[in-house]
PDB file of N, CA and C in Angstrom:
ATOM      1  N   MET A   1       0.944  -0.982   0.129  1.00  0.00           N
ATOM      2  CA  MET A   1      -0.091   0.899  -0.264  1.00  0.00           C
ATOM      3  C   MET A   1       0.878   1.072  -0.005  1.00  0.00           C
ATOM      4  N   THR A   2       0.747   2.172  -0.699  1.00  0.00           N
ATOM      5  CA  THR A   2       1.698   3.519  -1.081  1.00  0.00           C
ATOM      6  C   THR A   2       0.584   4.457  -0.023  1.00  0.00           C
ATOM      7  N   ASN A   3       1.299   5.300   0.211  1.00  0.00           N
ATOM      8  CA  ASN A   3       1.057   6.404   0.535  1.00  0.00           C
ATOM      9  C   ASN A   3       1.242   7.886  -0.352  1.00  0.00           C
ATOM     10  N   THR A   4      -0.176   8.394  -0.494  1.00  0.00           N
ATOM     11  CA  THR A   4      -0.177   8.960  -1.365  1.00  0.00           C
ATOM     12  C   THR A   4       0.206  10.395  -0.277  1.00  0.00           C
ATOM     13  N   PRO A   5       0.981  11.341  -0.890  1.00  0.00           N
ATOM     14  CA  PRO A   5       0.994  13.083  -0.295  1.00  0.00           C
ATOM     15  C   PRO A   5      -0.266  13.603  -0.249  1.00  0.00           C
ATOM     16  N   THR A   6      -0.959  14.153   1.020  1.00  0.00           N
ATOM     17  CA  THR A   6      -2.068  14.916   0.917  1.00  0.00           C
ATOM     18  C   THR A   6      -1.384  16.250   0.804  1.00  0.00           C
ATOM     19  N   VAL A   7      -1.987  16.914  -0.167  1.00  0.00           N
ATOM     20  CA  VAL A   7      -1.828  18.612  -0.610  1.00  0.00           C
ATOM     21  C   VAL A   7      -3.006  19.399  -0.022  1.00  0.00           C
ATOM     22  N   PRO A   8      -2.625  20.034   1.118  1.00  0.00           N
ATOM     23  CA  PRO A   8      -3.641  21.218   1.721  1.00  0.00           C
ATOM     24  C   PRO A   8      -4.086  22.234   0.540  1.00  0.00           C
ATOM     25  N   PHE A   9      -5.304  22.461   0.855  1.00  0.00           N
ATOM     26  CA  PHE A   9      -6.333  22.764   0.782  1.00  0.00           C
ATOM     27  C   PHE A   9      -7.035  24.168   0.948  1.00  0.00           C
ATOM     28  N   ASP A  10      -6.902  25.307   0.294  1.00  0.00           N
ATOM     29  CA  ASP A  10      -7.553  26.546   0.995  1.00  0.00           C
ATOM     30  C   ASP A  10      -8.846  26.371   0.240  1.00  0.00           C
ATOM     31  N   THR A  11      -9.778  26.852   1.124  1.00  0.00           N
ATOM     32  CA  THR A  11     -11.402  27.641   0.385  1.00  0.00           C
ATOM     33  C   THR A  11     -11.422  28.740   0.719  1.00  0.00           C
ATOM     34  N   LEU A  12     -11.679  29.070  -0.541  1.00  0.00           N
ATOM     35  CA  LEU A  12     -11.447  30.732  -0.870  1.00  0.00           C
ATOM     36  C   LEU A  12     -13.132  31.317  -1.078  1.00  0.00           C
ATOM     37  N   THR A  13     -13.687  32.388  -0.587  1.00  0.00           N
ATOM     38  CA  THR A  13     -14.914  32.619  -1.173  1.00  0.00           C
ATOM     39  C   THR A  13     -14.610  34.107  -2.006  1.00  0.00           C
ATOM     40  N   LEU A  14     -15.053  34.241  -3.417  1.00  0.00           N
ATOM     41  CA  LEU A  14     -15.274  35.301  -4.443  1.00  0.00           C
ATOM     42  C   LEU A  14     -16.403  36.079  -4.254  1.00  0.00           C
ATOM     43  N   GLU A  15     -16.207  37.259  -4.905  1.00  0.00           N
ATOM     44  CA  GLU A  15     -17.197  37.784  -5.658  1.00  0.00           C
ATOM     45  C   GLU A  15     -16.902  38.180  -6.510  1.00  0.00           C
ATOM     46  N   VAL A  16     -18.045  37.690  -7.687  1.00  0.00           N
ATOM     47  CA  VAL A  16     -17.700  37.654  -9.120  1.00  0.00           C
ATOM     48  C   VAL A  16     -19.002  38.140 -10.045  1.00  0.00           C
ATOM     49  N   PRO A  17     -18.607  39.096 -10.969  1.00  0.00           N
ATOM     50  CA  PRO A  17     -20.015  39.987 -11.123  1.00  0.00           C
ATOM     51  C   PRO A  17     -20.234  38.227 -12.597  1.00  0.00           C
ATOM     52  N   LYS A  18     -21.432  38.537 -12.784  1.00  0.00           N
ATOM     53  CA  LYS A  18     -21.836  37.410 -13.391  1.00  0.00           C
ATOM     54  C   LYS A  18     -21.727  37.351 -15.017  1.00  0.00           C
ATOM     55  N   SER A  19     -20.918  38.410 -15.124  1.00  0.00           N
ATOM     56  CA  SER A  19     -20.072  38.651 -16.621  1.00  0.00           C
ATOM     57  C   SER A  19     -19.277  37.562 -16.711  1.00  0.00           C
ATOM     58  N   ASP A  20     -18.580  37.306 -15.541  1.00  0.00           N
ATOM     59  CA  ASP A  20     -17.392  37.341 -15.629  1.00  0.00           C
ATOM     60  C   ASP A  20     -16.750  35.523 -15.565  1.00  0.00           C
ATOM     61  N   ARG A  21     -17.863  34.969 -14.992  1.00  0.00           N
ATOM     62  CA  ARG A  21     -18.167  33.822 -14.330  1.00  0.00           C
ATOM     63  C   ARG A  21     -18.052  32.644 -15.068  1.00  0.00           C
ATOM     64  N   ALA A  22     -18.513  32.466 -16.600  1.00  0.00           N
ATOM     65  CA  ALA A  22     -17.646  31.739 -17.341  1.00  0.00           C
ATOM     66  C   ALA A  22     -16.237  31.699 -17.510  1.00  0.00           C
ATOM     67  N   PHE A  23     -15.982  33.040 -17.602  1.00  0.00           N
ATOM     68  CA  PHE A  23     -13.965  32.833 -17.565  1.00  0.00           C
ATOM     69  C   PHE A  23     -13.427  32.175 -16.628  1.00  0.00           C
ATOM     70  N   LEU A  24     -14.110  32.805 -15.388  1.00  0.00           N
ATOM     71  CA  LEU A  24     -13.618  31.771 -14.217  1.00  0.00           C
ATOM     72  C   LEU A  24     -13.268  30.466 -14.164  1.00  0.00           C
ATOM     73  N   ARG A  25     -14.880  30.181 -14.552  1.00  0.00           N
ATOM     74  CA  ARG A  25     -14.646  28.718 -14.172  1.00  0.00           C
ATOM     75  C   ARG A  25     -13.523  28.113 -15.396  1.00  0.00           C
ATOM     76  N   THR A  26     -13.766  28.929 -16.774  1.00  0.00           N
ATOM     77  CA  THR A  26     -12.474  27.987 -17.358  1.00  0.00           C
ATOM     78  C   THR A  26     -11.033  27.654 -17.113  1.00  0.00           C
ATOM     79  N   ILE A  27     -11.087  29.214 -16.310  1.00  0.00           N
ATOM     80  CA  ILE A  27      -9.417  29.024 -15.911  1.00  0.00           C
ATOM     81  C   ILE A  27      -9.702  27.874 -14.304  1.00  0.00           C
ATOM     82  N   ALA A  28     -10.528  27.538 -13.504  1.00  0.00           N
ATOM     83  CA  ALA A  28     -10.551  26.639 -12.985  1.00  0.00           C
ATOM     84  C   ALA A  28     -10.457  25.272 -13.426  1.00  0.00           C
ATOM     85  N   ARG A  29     -11.243  25.326 -14.352  1.00  0.00           N
ATOM     86  CA  ARG A  29     -10.866  24.295 -14.913  1.00  0.00           C
ATOM     87  C   ARG A  29      -9.748  23.156 -15.693  1.00  0.00           C
ATOM     88  N   LYS A  30      -8.978  24.355 -15.811  1.00  0.00           N
ATOM     89  CA  LYS A  30      -7.726  24.295 -16.928  1.00  0.00           C
ATOM     90  C   LYS A  30      -6.301  23.636 -15.508  1.00  0.00           C
ATOM     91  N   MET A  31      -6.760  24.640 -14.358  1.00  0.00           N
ATOM     92  CA  MET A  31      -6.357  25.002 -13.212  1.00  0.00           C
ATOM     93  C   MET A  31      -6.413  23.260 -11.791  1.00  0.00           C
ATOM     94  N   GLY A  32      -7.454  22.703 -13.320  1.00  0.00           N
ATOM     95  CA  GLY A  32      -7.529  21.294 -11.452  1.00  0.00           C
ATOM     96  C   GLY A  32      -8.473  21.729 -10.774  1.00  0.00           C
ATOM     97  N   TRP A  33      -9.249  23.343 -10.698  1.00  0.00           N
ATOM     98  CA  TRP A  33      -9.465  23.517  -9.341  1.00  0.00           C
ATOM     99  C   TRP A  33     -10.810  23.247  -9.259  1.00  0.00           C
ATOM    100  N   THR A  34     -11.796  23.198  -8.347  1.00  0.00           N
ATOM    101  CA  THR A  34     -13.031  23.020  -8.243  1.00  0.00           C
ATOM    102  C   THR A  34     -13.642  23.697  -7.630  1.00  0.00           C
ATOM    103  N   MET A  35     -14.835  24.146  -8.429  1.00  0.00           N
ATOM    104  CA  MET A  35     -16.236  25.158  -7.956  1.00  0.00           C
ATOM    105  C   MET A  35     -17.220  24.947  -7.844  1.00  0.00           C
ATOM    106  N   LYS A  36     -17.554  25.715  -6.667  1.00  0.00           N
ATOM    107  CA  LYS A  36     -18.682  25.114  -6.191  1.00  0.00           C
ATOM    108  C   LYS A  36     -19.602  26.689  -5.809  1.00  0.00           C
ATOM    109  N   SER A  37     -20.942  27.085  -6.256  1.00  0.00           N
ATOM    110  CA  SER A  37     -21.790  27.864  -6.235  1.00  0.00           C
ATOM    111  C   SER A  37     -22.401  28.048  -5.003  1.00  0.00           C
ATOM    112  N   ASN A  38     -22.293  28.442  -3.910  1.00  0.00           N
ATOM    113  CA  ASN A  38     -23.041  28.680  -2.661  1.00  0.00           C
ATOM    114  C   ASN A  38     -24.212  29.556  -2.679  1.00  0.00           C
ATOM    115  N   ARG A  39     -24.445  29.827  -4.118  1.00  0.00           N
ATOM    116  CA  ARG A  39     -25.463  31.167  -4.185  1.00  0.00           C
ATOM    117  C   ARG A  39     -27.054  29.989  -3.972  1.00  0.00           C
ATOM    118  N   ARG A  40     -28.214  30.501  -3.592  1.00  0.00           N
ATOM    119  CA  ARG A  40     -29.298  30.354  -3.586  1.00  0.00           C
ATOM    120  C   ARG A  40     -30.025  30.898  -4.036  1.00  0.00           C
ATOM    121  N   LYS A  41     -31.395  30.664  -4.684  1.00  0.00           N
ATOM    122  CA  LYS A  41     -32.308  31.205  -5.527  1.00  0.00           C
ATOM    123  C   LYS A  41     -33.161  31.743  -4.024  1.00  0.00           C
ATOM    124  N   MET A  42     -33.496  33.013  -4.020  1.00  0.00           N
ATOM    125  CA  MET A  42     -34.517  33.771  -3.984  1.00  0.00           C
ATOM    126  C   MET A  42     -35.863  33.871  -4.204  1.00  0.00           C
ATOM    127  N   SER A  43     -36.921  33.703  -2.670  1.00  0.00           N
ATOM    128  CA  SER A  43     -37.765  33.335  -2.749  1.00  0.00           C
ATOM    129  C   SER A  43     -38.703  34.341  -3.795  1.00  0.00           C
ATOM    130  N   ALA A  44     -39.747  34.859  -4.250  1.00  0.00           N
ATOM    131  CA  ALA A  44     -40.841  36.101  -4.565  1.00  0.00           C
ATOM    132  C   ALA A  44     -40.734  37.035  -3.460  1.00  0.00           C
ATOM    133  N   TYR A  45     -40.846  36.298  -2.550  1.00  0.00           N
ATOM    134  CA  TYR A  45     -41.258  37.248  -0.967  1.00  0.00           C
ATOM    135  C   TYR A  45     -39.852  38.428  -0.796  1.00  0.00           C
ATOM    136  N   GLU A  46     -38.930  37.163  -0.948  1.00  0.00           N
ATOM    137  CA  GLU A  46     -37.186  37.830  -0.752  1.00  0.00           C
ATOM    138  C   GLU A  46     -36.970  39.099  -1.753  1.00  0.00           C
ATOM    139  N   ARG A  47     -37.437  38.315  -3.246  1.00  0.00           N
ATOM    140  CA  ARG A  47     -37.008  39.394  -4.165  1.00  0.00           C
ATOM    141  C   ARG A  47     -38.093  40.778  -3.988  1.00  0.00           C
ATOM    142  N   SER A  48     -39.432  40.818  -3.407  1.00  0.00           N
ATOM    143  CA  SER A  48     -39.958  41.732  -3.447  1.00  0.00           C
ATOM    144  C   SER A  48     -39.378  42.877  -2.165  1.00  0.00           C
ATOM    145  N   LEU A  49     -39.346  42.277  -1.437  1.00  0.00           N
ATOM    146  CA  LEU A  49     -38.575  42.962  -0.506  1.00  0.00           C
ATOM    147  C   LEU A  49     -37.583  43.508  -0.787  1.00  0.00           C
ATOM    148  N   GLU A  50     -36.484  43.110  -1.111  1.00  0.00           N
ATOM    149  CA  GLU A  50     -35.105  43.298  -2.094  1.00  0.00           C
ATOM    150  C   GLU A  50     -35.683  44.701  -2.899  1.00  0.00           C
ATOM    151  N   ASP A  51     -36.656  44.940  -3.796  1.00  0.00           N
ATOM    152  CA  ASP A  51     -37.457  45.595  -4.674  1.00  0.00           C
ATOM    153  C   ASP A  51     -37.275  46.774  -3.818  1.00  0.00           C
ATOM    154  N   GLU A  52     -38.220  46.970  -2.393  1.00  0.00           N
ATOM    155  CA  GLU A  52     -38.559  47.930  -1.798  1.00  0.00           C
ATOM    156  C   GLU A  52     -37.393  48.222  -1.620  1.00  0.00           C
ATOM    157  N   ARG A  53     -36.554  47.890  -0.643  1.00  0.00           N
ATOM    158  CA  ARG A  53     -35.461  47.979  -0.677  1.00  0.00           C
ATOM    159  C   ARG A  53     -34.527  49.015  -1.183  1.00  0.00           C
ATOM    160  N   ASN A  54     -34.738  48.803  -2.570  1.00  0.00           N
ATOM    161  CA  ASN A  54     -33.641  49.508  -3.975  1.00  0.00           C
ATOM    162  C   ASN A  54     -34.477  50.517  -4.392  1.00  0.00           C
ATOM    163  N   GLY A  55     -35.869  50.368  -4.061  1.00  0.00           N
ATOM    164  CA  GLY A  55     -36.587  51.692  -4.873  1.00  0.00           C
ATOM    165  C   GLY A  55     -37.122  51.247  -6.074  1.00  0.00           C
ATOM    166  N   ARG A  56     -37.088  50.226  -6.032  1.00  0.00           N
ATOM    167  CA  ARG A  56     -38.074  49.849  -7.582  1.00  0.00           C
ATOM    168  C   ARG A  56     -39.290  49.036  -7.435  1.00  0.00           C
ATOM    169  N   ILE A  57     -40.187  50.066  -6.238  1.00  0.00           N
ATOM    170  CA  ILE A  57     -41.701  50.121  -6.732  1.00  0.00           C
ATOM    171  C   ILE A  57     -42.668  51.146  -6.911  1.00  0.00           C
ATOM    172  N   ASN A  58     -43.631  51.273  -7.588  1.00  0.00           N
ATOM    173  CA  ASN A  58     -44.679  52.487  -7.766  1.00  0.00           C
ATOM    174  C   ASN A  58     -45.582  52.679  -6.539  1.00  0.00           C
ATOM    175  N   HIS A  59     -45.665  54.062  -6.772  1.00  0.00           N
ATOM    176  CA  HIS A  59     -47.132  53.756  -5.559  1.00  0.00           C
ATOM    177  C   HIS A  59     -47.887  54.759  -6.341  1.00  0.00           C
ATOM    178  N   TYR A  60     -49.251  54.293  -6.505  1.00  0.00           N
ATOM    179  CA  TYR A  60     -50.360  55.009  -6.998  1.00  0.00           C
ATOM    180  C   TYR A  60     -51.515  55.653  -6.158  1.00  0.00           C
ATOM    181  N   ALA A  61     -51.636  56.932  -6.490  1.00  0.00           N
ATOM    182  CA  ALA A  61     -52.826  57.062  -5.900  1.00  0.00           C
ATOM    183  C   ALA A  61     -54.509  56.304  -5.408  1.00  0.00           C
ATOM    184  N   SER A  62     -54.155  55.928  -6.656  1.00  0.00           N
ATOM    185  CA  SER A  62     -56.260  54.881  -6.869  1.00  0.00           C
ATOM    186  C   SER A  62     -55.751  54.048  -7.708  1.00  0.00           C
ATOM    187  N   SER A  63     -56.395  52.904  -8.004  1.00  0.00           N
ATOM    188  CA  SER A  63     -56.735  51.999  -8.895  1.00  0.00           C
ATOM    189  C   SER A  63     -56.682  52.420 -10.108  1.00  0.00           C
ATOM    190  N   GLU A  64     -57.588  53.719 -10.333  1.00  0.00           N
ATOM    191  CA  GLU A  64     -57.851  54.261 -11.772  1.00  0.00           C
ATOM    192  C   GLU A  64     -56.657  54.949 -12.202  1.00  0.00           C
ATOM    193  N   ASP A  65     -55.702  55.382 -11.469  1.00  0.00           N
ATOM    194  CA  ASP A  65     -54.511  56.169 -11.660  1.00  0.00           C
ATOM    195  C   ASP A  65     -53.514  54.867 -12.147  1.00  0.00           C
ATOM    196  N   PHE A  66     -53.485  53.942 -11.602  1.00  0.00           N
ATOM    197  CA  PHE A  66     -52.568  52.671 -12.021  1.00  0.00           C
ATOM    198  C   PHE A  66     -53.078  52.084 -13.654  1.00  0.00           C
ATOM    199  N   PHE A  67     -54.556  52.229 -13.724  1.00  0.00           N
ATOM    200  CA  PHE A  67     -55.119  51.415 -15.144  1.00  0.00           C
ATOM    201  C   PHE A  67     -54.478  52.845 -15.918  1.00  0.00           C
ATOM    202  N   LYS A  68     -54.848  53.981 -15.653  1.00  0.00           N
ATOM    203  CA  LYS A  68     -53.924  54.999 -16.641  1.00  0.00           C
ATOM    204  C   LYS A  68     -52.665  54.674 -16.798  1.00  0.00           C
ATOM    205  N   LYS A  69     -51.600  54.617 -16.089  1.00  0.00           N
ATOM    206  CA  LYS A  69     -50.333  54.243 -16.059  1.00  0.00           C
ATOM    207  C   LYS A  69     -50.379  52.939 -17.331  1.00  0.00           C
ATOM    208  N   MET A  70     -50.861  51.907 -16.831  1.00  0.00           N
ATOM    209  CA  MET A  70     -50.993  50.788 -17.807  1.00  0.00           C
ATOM    210  C   MET A  70     -51.770  51.125 -19.368  1.00  0.00           C
ATOM    211  N   GLY A  71     -52.497  52.251 -19.788  1.00  0.00           N
ATOM    212  CA  GLY A  71     -52.681  52.319 -20.641  1.00  0.00           C
ATOM    213  C   GLY A  71     -54.264  51.445 -21.055  1.00  0.00           C
ATOM    214  N   ILE A  72     -54.830  51.228 -20.040  1.00  0.00           N
ATOM    215  CA  ILE A  72     -55.991  50.352 -19.869  1.00  0.00           C
ATOM    216  C   ILE A  72     -57.304  51.270 -19.810  1.00  0.00           C
TER     217      ILE A  72
END
């Protein structure tokens, strides 16, 4: 039985723009690294809370104003 030397590994966390993710994955594959995504999908409720925090909601005085805005 041969003992194979163990190589120490480091675990890193990076924040990478989505546009660069494919490039990073290609480099990782060529280097023999393992990439894991720890991102989970947000629920519709969580997305709506984020929209509110970031000011991506509209307020209307009445339903008539809303329908006018929608062109109905």
